[in-house]
Structure formats: structure tokens, C-alpha cells
Amino acid sequence: MWQANVFTIFPEAFPGTLGVSLIGDALAQKKWNLNLIDLKKYPVKSDRIDSIPYGGGAGMILSPLTFEKAFNSLSADQKRAKRIYFSPRGRQMTQDDLQKLSQSEGATFLCGRYEGVDQRILDYYEFEEISIGDFVLLGGESAAMTIIEGIVRLLPEVVGNNESIYTDSFQEPLLEYHQYTRPKEFHYLEVPEILRSGDHEKINEFRLKQSIEITKKRRPDVWAKYIAKKLKNK
């Protein structure tokens, strides 16, 4: 069973969005497991888990002694899971990363708060720094939920229609085509006629063309990856 180990000072933030809809159902049905480790339960001197930064500066830094005690609460199997720390300076996570993590036994996430964590935690425990975008959050909890949701939806029997997973944006890599439903007309805007034709071959061609146009216009970086993949597979 795939397991997420989450180190946080705010375990009450979870499961949050991970407890609703298909992801929440899968959690209740034990198709995956959420293991929350409350860092506040592992204080060091003066019952604190953090301290002021060496060299000066604002904010508080998570102590490596606290994290060591918390990490040692994991089982041997849990300790072997890939470790991720959320940081704006990290490499941006991709759909390929989520695919690989979904095929593992699980992952460990460290959610920073305030000024962050002692760098030696990241170095000694070999955390990979990961970003979910070029912006800054107050902490890593919402980032952890985002990434865990992205992984869990790829697990077997979580999403009812697996076909929907493989037509999503970034799977090709291309952005997803436009979607429509009834009614046929809405404020003078009509569903494209081809989608009402019943000709699935032409529909697939139309959708691919639309995905290509959207990707080229909105994400030239993703379009470049698509071209590179096509050339590689020739």
C-alpha cells in the first residue's frame, strides 16, 4: 500500500483536500495511507523544536535534533522512502515525477514553516528540494497535499475511469484539449460540430490539433518537450 509520511507542526491541517472525493474514498478504503508525524512532539532543550538562525536574521529554524528524533520514529521501511522538502529554490516537480513516485512504495514529505529548516537536515537525510511553482507559501502543508493528490490519483483503482488520467495535460506532454457538455448552445456559443458527429477518428484528430495549438500558445516550454520526445521516438 502506497504511504505518504508527512512531517509537520500542523497535523490538524490534514487530511484537508486529501479527505474528500475519490482521494478521500481511497484513503478510507485503505488503498493508500497517510502517516502524520507531529514535529511538536519531539522538542529539544527548553521544550522547543526551533531556534534563531546562526548569522542573524528574522524567523526561526527547525532544529536538526528535533527532526532526528521525529525521523527515528519511522519504521525501517518508511525510512527508505524518497524524501522531499518543499522550497521555492527547489526543482519544479513534473508529471513524470508523480508517475515515478506512484510506482514506489511511498514518499516522505517535510513541511517547512517560518524561516525554514536547518540545512543539515536536508543534507544528512538526503532530501530533494522541490517547488510547485514560482511563488512562496507560508508553509509546506498545502504543497504536500497538492503533490500527494497528484500521486494518489495515479494509483490503481483510485480513479474510476483510468482513461481520463491518460488524456490529462502533461501526459504526452501536451496540454489538454477543450471539454464540452450539454446544452449544445450556451449564450450563442456552440459546441464544435465535430464533437457531435460521432466520428471518433475525426474527434481524436480534432482534439490532438487543439491540444497542440493550446500548448504552443500557452506553454512553449512544454511544446519543446513534446517535439523533443517525438524526435527521440523516430
Protein backbone atom coordinates (compact mmCIF):
# COMPACT_ATOMS: atom_id res chain seq x y z
CA MET A 1 0.00 0.00 0.00
CA TRP A 2 1.38 3.39 -1.01
CA GLN A 3 2.16 5.58 2.01
CA ALA A 4 2.81 9.28 2.50
CA ASN A 5 4.85 10.21 5.58
CA VAL A 6 4.36 13.89 6.38
CA PHE A 7 6.46 15.80 8.93
CA THR A 8 4.62 18.93 10.03
CA ILE A 9 3.96 21.17 13.01
CA PHE A 10 0.33 21.42 11.92
CA PRO A 11 -1.01 17.85 11.61
CA GLU A 12 -4.51 19.28 12.10
CA ALA A 13 -4.26 20.68 8.55
CA PHE A 14 -4.63 17.13 7.25
CA PRO A 15 -6.24 15.33 5.55
CA GLY A 16 -7.75 18.55 4.18
CA THR A 17 -8.43 18.08 0.48
CA LEU A 18 -6.96 14.58 0.73
CA GLY A 19 -10.03 13.54 2.72
CA VAL A 20 -12.66 14.32 0.08
CA SER A 21 -13.90 12.88 -3.22
CA LEU A 22 -12.05 9.96 -4.84
CA ILE A 23 -8.80 10.58 -2.92
CA GLY A 24 -10.66 10.58 0.40
CA ASP A 25 -12.61 7.46 -0.54
CA ALA A 26 -9.36 5.70 -1.42
CA LEU A 27 -7.89 6.74 1.95
CA ALA A 28 -10.92 5.40 3.81
CA GLN A 29 -10.74 2.17 1.81
CA LYS A 30 -7.03 1.83 2.68
CA LYS A 31 -5.85 1.99 -0.92
CA TRP A 32 -3.18 4.37 0.39
CA ASN A 33 -2.09 5.57 3.82
CA LEU A 34 -1.37 8.99 5.33
CA ASN A 35 1.14 8.91 8.20
CA LEU A 36 1.37 12.26 10.01
CA ILE A 37 4.37 12.98 12.24
CA ASP A 38 3.82 15.95 14.56
CA LEU A 39 7.20 17.65 14.97
CA LYS A 40 5.98 19.39 18.14
CA LYS A 41 6.09 16.04 19.91
CA TYR A 42 9.88 15.94 19.57
CA PRO A 43 11.23 19.04 21.36
CA VAL A 44 14.83 19.54 22.42
CA LYS A 45 16.12 21.96 25.07
CA SER A 46 13.56 24.23 26.74
CA ASP A 47 10.79 22.25 25.07
CA ARG A 48 11.45 23.97 21.74
CA ILE A 49 11.70 22.49 18.28
CA ASP A 50 13.36 25.51 16.66
CA SER A 51 15.85 28.28 17.34
CA ILE A 52 17.16 31.56 15.94
CA PRO A 53 19.40 31.35 12.85
CA TYR A 54 23.17 31.50 13.09
CA GLY A 55 24.44 34.70 11.49
CA GLY A 56 21.31 36.63 12.38
CA GLY A 57 18.09 37.21 10.53
CA ALA A 58 14.36 37.02 11.08
CA GLY A 59 12.35 33.90 11.84
CA MET A 60 13.02 30.57 13.50
CA ILE A 61 14.76 27.47 12.12
CA LEU A 62 13.69 23.86 12.74
CA SER A 63 16.32 22.08 14.84
CA PRO A 64 18.10 19.05 13.34
CA LEU A 65 17.86 17.39 16.77
CA THR A 66 14.07 17.61 16.65
CA PHE A 67 13.95 16.17 13.17
CA GLU A 68 16.33 13.35 14.08
CA LYS A 69 14.06 12.27 16.92
CA ALA A 70 10.99 12.50 14.70
CA PHE A 71 12.62 10.62 11.83
CA ASN A 72 13.69 7.82 14.14
CA SER A 73 10.01 7.21 14.94
CA LEU A 74 9.58 5.78 11.43
CA SER A 75 9.87 2.10 10.68
CA ALA A 76 12.81 0.76 8.68
CA ASP A 77 10.66 0.54 5.54
CA GLN A 78 9.35 4.08 5.97
CA LYS A 79 12.88 5.42 6.35
CA ARG A 80 13.78 4.13 2.89
CA ALA A 81 11.10 6.18 1.10
CA LYS A 82 12.13 9.07 -1.15
CA ARG A 83 12.38 12.32 0.82
CA ILE A 84 11.01 15.64 -0.41
CA TYR A 85 11.28 19.11 1.10
CA PHE A 86 9.15 21.89 -0.37
CA SER A 87 11.12 25.02 -1.20
CA PRO A 88 10.90 27.88 -3.77
CA ARG A 89 14.55 27.22 -4.60
CA GLY A 90 13.84 23.59 -5.48
CA ARG A 91 13.42 21.92 -8.84
CA GLN A 92 9.87 22.19 -10.15
CA MET A 93 8.01 18.90 -9.90
CA THR A 94 6.61 17.38 -13.10
CA GLN A 95 4.01 14.80 -14.06
CA ASP A 96 6.84 12.36 -14.77
CA ASP A 97 7.95 12.73 -11.14
CA LEU A 98 4.44 11.92 -9.94
CA GLN A 99 4.32 8.85 -12.18
CA LYS A 100 7.59 7.52 -10.74
CA LEU A 101 6.51 8.18 -7.16
CA SER A 102 3.17 6.44 -7.75
CA GLN A 103 5.09 3.31 -8.73
CA SER A 104 7.11 3.31 -5.49
CA GLU A 105 6.12 2.18 -2.00
CA GLY A 106 5.63 5.76 -0.83
CA ALA A 107 7.33 9.07 -0.10
CA THR A 108 8.31 11.25 2.86
CA PHE A 109 7.48 14.96 2.90
CA LEU A 110 8.94 17.62 5.19
CA CYS A 111 6.77 20.73 5.53
CA GLY A 112 8.76 23.79 6.49
CA ARG A 113 7.35 26.73 8.43
CA TYR A 114 8.53 30.18 9.46
CA GLU A 115 12.12 30.68 8.24
CA GLY A 116 12.62 27.05 7.28
CA VAL A 117 14.75 24.12 8.42
CA ASP A 118 18.40 23.63 9.29
CA GLN A 119 20.24 22.85 6.05
CA ARG A 120 21.92 19.87 7.70
CA ILE A 121 18.54 18.11 7.86
CA LEU A 122 18.31 18.29 4.09
CA ASP A 123 21.94 17.31 3.57
CA TYR A 124 22.20 14.45 6.06
CA TYR A 125 18.83 12.88 5.28
CA GLU A 126 19.22 13.46 1.53
CA PHE A 127 16.03 15.42 0.95
CA GLU A 128 15.35 16.62 -2.57
CA GLU A 129 14.14 20.22 -2.64
CA ILE A 130 11.00 20.51 -4.76
CA SER A 131 8.96 23.52 -5.87
CA ILE A 132 5.34 23.53 -7.02
CA GLY A 133 5.72 26.93 -8.71
CA ASP A 134 7.49 30.27 -8.69
CA PHE A 135 5.75 31.66 -5.63
CA VAL A 136 6.12 31.49 -1.85
CA LEU A 137 3.74 29.92 0.70
CA LEU A 138 3.71 30.25 4.48
CA GLY A 139 4.40 26.53 4.82
CA GLY A 140 4.66 23.24 3.00
CA GLU A 141 1.38 21.65 4.07
CA SER A 142 -0.72 22.77 1.10
CA ALA A 143 2.14 21.88 -1.25
CA ALA A 144 2.28 18.40 0.29
CA MET A 145 -1.46 17.92 -0.21
CA THR A 146 -1.15 19.01 -3.83
CA ILE A 147 1.67 16.59 -4.63
CA ILE A 148 0.16 13.69 -2.68
CA GLU A 149 -3.14 14.14 -4.51
CA GLY A 150 -1.30 14.14 -7.83
CA ILE A 151 0.40 10.87 -6.91
CA VAL A 152 -2.56 9.07 -5.37
CA ARG A 153 -4.84 9.70 -8.36
CA LEU A 154 -2.38 7.65 -10.42
CA LEU A 155 -2.62 4.61 -8.12
CA PRO A 156 -4.62 1.60 -9.35
CA GLU A 157 -8.38 1.66 -8.60
CA VAL A 158 -8.41 5.23 -7.25
CA VAL A 159 -9.89 6.96 -10.30
CA GLY A 160 -12.84 5.03 -11.73
CA ASN A 161 -12.09 5.75 -15.39
CA ASN A 162 -8.34 5.33 -15.94
CA GLU A 163 -8.69 6.69 -19.48
CA SER A 164 -9.26 10.16 -18.03
CA ILE A 165 -5.81 10.03 -16.41
CA TYR A 166 -4.03 9.41 -19.68
CA THR A 167 -5.76 12.24 -21.54
CA ASP A 168 -4.80 14.84 -18.93
CA SER A 169 -2.46 17.73 -19.51
CA PHE A 170 1.28 16.88 -19.37
CA GLN A 171 0.79 13.17 -20.08
CA GLU A 172 2.03 13.41 -23.68
CA PRO A 173 3.44 16.06 -22.82
CA LEU A 174 0.66 18.29 -24.19
CA LEU A 175 -1.96 20.46 -22.53
CA GLU A 176 -5.47 19.05 -22.53
CA TYR A 177 -7.96 19.98 -25.27
CA HIS A 178 -11.18 21.90 -24.50
CA GLN A 179 -14.08 19.96 -22.99
CA TYR A 180 -17.82 20.49 -23.59
CA THR A 181 -21.14 19.08 -22.35
CA ARG A 182 -24.85 19.78 -22.82
CA PRO A 183 -26.55 22.06 -23.78
CA LYS A 184 -25.39 22.32 -27.38
CA GLU A 185 -25.64 26.13 -27.26
CA PHE A 186 -24.84 28.49 -24.38
CA HIS A 187 -25.15 32.28 -24.85
CA TYR A 188 -24.71 31.87 -28.64
CA LEU A 189 -21.59 29.72 -28.12
CA GLU A 190 -21.98 26.29 -29.70
CA VAL A 191 -20.20 23.00 -29.05
CA PRO A 192 -17.92 22.34 -32.08
CA GLU A 193 -19.83 20.34 -34.65
CA ILE A 194 -17.11 17.69 -34.97
CA LEU A 195 -17.65 16.66 -31.34
CA ARG A 196 -21.32 15.96 -32.15
CA SER A 197 -20.54 13.97 -35.29
CA GLY A 198 -19.95 10.56 -33.72
CA ASP A 199 -16.84 10.12 -35.89
CA HIS A 200 -14.32 9.15 -33.20
CA GLU A 201 -11.33 9.16 -35.53
CA LYS A 202 -12.01 12.75 -36.58
CA ILE A 203 -12.79 13.71 -32.98
CA ASN A 204 -9.39 12.39 -31.86
CA GLU A 205 -7.69 14.30 -34.67
CA PHE A 206 -9.57 17.47 -33.69
CA ARG A 207 -8.62 17.10 -30.04
CA LEU A 208 -4.97 16.46 -30.82
CA LYS A 209 -4.86 19.53 -33.08
CA GLN A 210 -6.47 21.59 -30.33
CA SER A 211 -4.01 20.31 -27.71
CA ILE A 212 -1.11 21.21 -29.98
CA GLU A 213 -2.45 24.72 -30.61
CA ILE A 214 -3.09 25.36 -26.90
CA THR A 215 0.32 24.04 -25.88
CA LYS A 216 2.22 26.06 -28.49
CA LYS A 217 0.41 29.24 -27.45
CA ARG A 218 0.36 28.90 -23.67
CA ARG A 219 3.36 26.73 -22.77
CA PRO A 220 6.17 26.86 -25.34
CA ASP A 221 8.40 25.07 -22.82
CA VAL A 222 6.02 22.08 -22.78
CA TRP A 223 5.73 22.21 -26.59
CA ALA A 224 9.53 21.98 -26.85
CA LYS A 225 9.46 18.84 -24.68
CA TYR A 226 6.77 17.33 -26.90
CA ILE A 227 8.85 17.95 -30.05
CA ALA A 228 11.96 16.54 -28.38
CA LYS A 229 10.04 13.40 -27.41
CA LYS A 230 8.72 12.96 -30.94
CA LEU A 231 12.21 13.29 -32.41
CA LYS A 232 13.61 10.82 -29.90
CA ASN A 233 10.96 8.22 -30.75
CA LYS A 234 11.57 8.43 -34.51
